[in-house]
N, C-alpha and C. Protein backbone atom coordinates (compact mmCIF):
# COMPACT_ATOMS: atom_id res chain seq x y z
N UNK A 1 14.71 135.79 -24.14
CA UNK A 1 15.31 134.54 -23.73
C UNK A 1 14.34 133.72 -22.88
N UNK A 2 13.65 134.42 -21.96
CA UNK A 2 12.66 133.78 -21.09
C UNK A 2 11.53 134.78 -20.84
N UNK A 3 10.35 134.25 -20.49
CA UNK A 3 9.23 135.17 -20.24
C UNK A 3 9.28 135.79 -18.85
N UNK A 4 8.66 136.93 -18.71
CA UNK A 4 8.41 137.55 -17.41
C UNK A 4 6.93 137.37 -17.10
N UNK A 5 6.61 137.32 -15.82
CA UNK A 5 5.21 137.18 -15.40
C UNK A 5 4.71 138.50 -14.84
N UNK A 6 3.41 138.62 -14.71
CA UNK A 6 2.78 139.87 -14.34
C UNK A 6 3.34 140.48 -13.06
N UNK A 7 3.51 139.72 -12.00
CA UNK A 7 3.94 140.26 -10.71
C UNK A 7 5.46 140.18 -10.48
N UNK A 8 6.23 139.82 -11.49
CA UNK A 8 7.69 139.72 -11.32
C UNK A 8 8.30 141.10 -11.05
N UNK A 9 9.20 141.12 -10.10
CA UNK A 9 10.03 142.31 -9.90
C UNK A 9 11.20 142.18 -10.87
N UNK A 10 11.36 143.15 -11.75
CA UNK A 10 12.39 143.07 -12.78
C UNK A 10 13.52 144.04 -12.49
N UNK A 11 14.72 143.62 -12.82
CA UNK A 11 15.91 144.45 -12.71
C UNK A 11 16.37 144.77 -14.12
N UNK A 12 16.48 146.05 -14.43
CA UNK A 12 16.91 146.49 -15.76
C UNK A 12 18.29 147.11 -15.62
N UNK A 13 19.27 146.50 -16.27
CA UNK A 13 20.64 147.01 -16.24
C UNK A 13 20.96 147.60 -17.60
N UNK A 14 21.46 148.82 -17.59
CA UNK A 14 21.87 149.46 -18.84
C UNK A 14 23.34 149.80 -18.77
N UNK A 15 23.98 149.80 -19.91
CA UNK A 15 25.39 150.18 -19.96
C UNK A 15 25.68 150.85 -21.30
N UNK A 16 26.69 151.69 -21.27
CA UNK A 16 27.12 152.38 -22.48
C UNK A 16 28.60 152.69 -22.32
N UNK A 17 29.24 152.93 -23.44
CA UNK A 17 30.67 153.19 -23.43
C UNK A 17 30.94 154.63 -23.84
N UNK A 18 31.60 155.35 -22.99
CA UNK A 18 32.07 156.67 -23.35
C UNK A 18 31.00 157.73 -23.46
N UNK A 19 31.45 158.89 -23.81
CA UNK A 19 30.59 160.06 -23.96
C UNK A 19 30.05 160.07 -25.39
N UNK A 20 28.74 160.23 -25.54
CA UNK A 20 28.17 160.19 -26.89
C UNK A 20 28.60 161.38 -27.74
N UNK A 21 28.68 161.13 -29.03
CA UNK A 21 28.94 162.21 -30.00
C UNK A 21 27.66 162.43 -30.81
N UNK A 22 27.51 161.70 -31.91
CA UNK A 22 26.30 161.80 -32.73
C UNK A 22 25.30 160.71 -32.35
N UNK A 23 25.83 159.50 -32.13
CA UNK A 23 25.01 158.35 -31.78
C UNK A 23 25.31 157.92 -30.36
N UNK A 24 24.33 157.26 -29.75
CA UNK A 24 24.45 156.88 -28.35
C UNK A 24 23.92 155.45 -28.19
N UNK A 25 24.79 154.43 -28.41
CA UNK A 25 24.34 153.05 -28.25
C UNK A 25 24.23 152.68 -26.76
N UNK A 26 23.12 152.02 -26.41
CA UNK A 26 22.88 151.59 -25.03
C UNK A 26 22.57 150.10 -25.06
N UNK A 27 23.31 149.32 -24.29
CA UNK A 27 23.05 147.89 -24.12
C UNK A 27 22.22 147.69 -22.87
N UNK A 28 21.35 146.70 -22.88
CA UNK A 28 20.54 146.45 -21.70
C UNK A 28 20.32 144.96 -21.49
N UNK A 29 20.08 144.60 -20.22
CA UNK A 29 19.70 143.26 -19.82
C UNK A 29 18.58 143.38 -18.80
N UNK A 30 17.59 142.52 -18.93
CA UNK A 30 16.48 142.49 -17.97
C UNK A 30 16.44 141.11 -17.34
N UNK A 31 16.42 141.10 -16.00
CA UNK A 31 16.39 139.86 -15.22
C UNK A 31 15.28 139.96 -14.18
N UNK A 32 14.89 138.80 -13.66
CA UNK A 32 14.00 138.80 -12.49
C UNK A 32 14.82 139.21 -11.29
N UNK A 33 14.15 139.51 -10.20
CA UNK A 33 14.85 139.96 -9.00
C UNK A 33 15.78 138.91 -8.43
N UNK A 34 15.61 137.63 -8.80
CA UNK A 34 16.53 136.59 -8.33
C UNK A 34 17.86 136.63 -9.07
N UNK A 35 17.94 137.37 -10.17
CA UNK A 35 19.14 137.60 -10.97
C UNK A 35 19.69 136.33 -11.63
N UNK A 36 18.99 135.21 -11.52
CA UNK A 36 19.50 133.96 -12.10
C UNK A 36 19.30 133.90 -13.61
N UNK A 37 18.12 134.23 -14.05
CA UNK A 37 17.79 134.02 -15.45
C UNK A 37 17.70 135.34 -16.22
N UNK A 38 18.45 135.40 -17.30
CA UNK A 38 18.37 136.54 -18.21
C UNK A 38 17.08 136.43 -19.00
N UNK A 39 16.24 137.45 -18.92
CA UNK A 39 14.97 137.43 -19.64
C UNK A 39 15.10 138.06 -21.03
N UNK A 40 15.73 139.23 -21.08
CA UNK A 40 15.85 139.97 -22.34
C UNK A 40 17.21 140.66 -22.38
N UNK A 41 17.82 140.68 -23.54
CA UNK A 41 19.01 141.50 -23.74
C UNK A 41 18.86 142.18 -25.09
N UNK A 42 19.48 143.33 -25.21
CA UNK A 42 19.37 144.03 -26.48
C UNK A 42 20.21 145.28 -26.51
N UNK A 43 20.08 145.99 -27.61
CA UNK A 43 20.80 147.23 -27.80
C UNK A 43 19.90 148.19 -28.56
N UNK A 44 19.90 149.42 -28.11
CA UNK A 44 19.19 150.48 -28.81
C UNK A 44 20.20 151.58 -29.08
N UNK A 45 20.11 152.22 -30.24
CA UNK A 45 21.00 153.32 -30.57
C UNK A 45 20.17 154.58 -30.75
N UNK A 46 20.44 155.56 -29.91
CA UNK A 46 19.77 156.86 -30.01
C UNK A 46 20.65 157.80 -30.82
N UNK A 47 20.02 158.78 -31.43
CA UNK A 47 20.75 159.74 -32.25
C UNK A 47 20.25 161.14 -31.93
N UNK A 48 21.16 162.08 -31.84
CA UNK A 48 20.80 163.48 -31.62
C UNK A 48 20.48 164.11 -32.97
N UNK A 49 19.31 164.76 -33.05
CA UNK A 49 18.83 165.26 -34.34
C UNK A 49 18.38 166.71 -34.20
N UNK A 50 18.73 167.50 -35.19
CA UNK A 50 18.20 168.86 -35.33
C UNK A 50 16.79 168.71 -35.90
N UNK A 51 15.79 169.06 -35.11
CA UNK A 51 14.40 168.84 -35.53
C UNK A 51 14.02 169.70 -36.73
N UNK A 52 14.57 170.88 -36.85
CA UNK A 52 14.21 171.75 -37.97
C UNK A 52 14.77 171.24 -39.30
N UNK A 53 16.02 170.76 -39.27
CA UNK A 53 16.66 170.29 -40.51
C UNK A 53 16.56 168.77 -40.68
N UNK A 54 16.11 168.07 -39.62
CA UNK A 54 16.03 166.61 -39.64
C UNK A 54 17.38 165.98 -40.00
N UNK A 55 18.43 166.51 -39.37
CA UNK A 55 19.81 166.04 -39.61
C UNK A 55 20.47 165.69 -38.29
N UNK A 56 21.37 164.71 -38.30
CA UNK A 56 22.11 164.40 -37.07
C UNK A 56 22.98 165.57 -36.63
N UNK A 57 23.09 165.75 -35.31
CA UNK A 57 23.93 166.80 -34.75
C UNK A 57 24.73 166.19 -33.59
N UNK A 58 25.76 166.90 -33.16
CA UNK A 58 26.57 166.45 -32.02
C UNK A 58 25.75 166.52 -30.73
N UNK A 59 26.18 165.73 -29.78
CA UNK A 59 25.57 165.73 -28.46
C UNK A 59 25.60 167.15 -27.88
N UNK A 60 24.49 167.64 -27.33
CA UNK A 60 24.49 168.99 -26.74
C UNK A 60 25.50 169.09 -25.59
N UNK A 61 26.15 170.24 -25.48
CA UNK A 61 27.18 170.44 -24.47
C UNK A 61 26.68 170.19 -23.06
N UNK A 62 25.45 170.59 -22.77
CA UNK A 62 24.91 170.40 -21.42
C UNK A 62 24.80 168.91 -21.07
N UNK A 63 24.41 168.09 -22.02
CA UNK A 63 24.33 166.65 -21.79
C UNK A 63 25.72 166.03 -21.73
N UNK A 64 26.61 166.50 -22.60
CA UNK A 64 27.99 166.01 -22.60
C UNK A 64 28.66 166.26 -21.25
N UNK A 65 28.40 167.41 -20.63
CA UNK A 65 29.00 167.71 -19.33
C UNK A 65 28.47 166.78 -18.24
N UNK A 66 27.21 166.37 -18.35
CA UNK A 66 26.66 165.40 -17.39
C UNK A 66 27.42 164.08 -17.48
N UNK A 67 27.67 163.60 -18.69
CA UNK A 67 28.42 162.36 -18.88
C UNK A 67 29.85 162.51 -18.35
N UNK A 68 30.46 163.64 -18.60
CA UNK A 68 31.84 163.85 -18.14
C UNK A 68 31.92 163.83 -16.62
N UNK A 69 30.88 164.31 -15.93
CA UNK A 69 30.88 164.30 -14.46
C UNK A 69 30.58 162.93 -13.88
N UNK A 70 29.92 162.08 -14.64
CA UNK A 70 29.50 160.77 -14.12
C UNK A 70 30.50 159.65 -14.48
N UNK A 71 31.06 159.69 -15.68
CA UNK A 71 31.95 158.62 -16.13
C UNK A 71 33.34 158.80 -15.55
N UNK A 72 33.90 157.73 -14.99
CA UNK A 72 35.22 157.85 -14.35
C UNK A 72 36.38 158.08 -15.31
N UNK A 73 36.26 157.61 -16.55
CA UNK A 73 37.38 157.70 -17.50
C UNK A 73 37.27 158.86 -18.46
N UNK A 74 36.45 159.84 -18.17
CA UNK A 74 36.27 160.94 -19.13
C UNK A 74 37.27 162.04 -18.89
């Protein structure tokens, strides 16, 4: 949306909904430290994959428990 400059202090805000299963979409916004102007917004989707079979798998239990402890509505 707008450029950032070399010495800018940037604030990166990320958000996600719920506990991930197979896919994990993450939304983000990047602003300057003044918080007035949105510089970048976007979405990235991560996927849990079995490296040996190269197939999607469910979120590992250890990671799922971290989300359950952090998210208020879990």
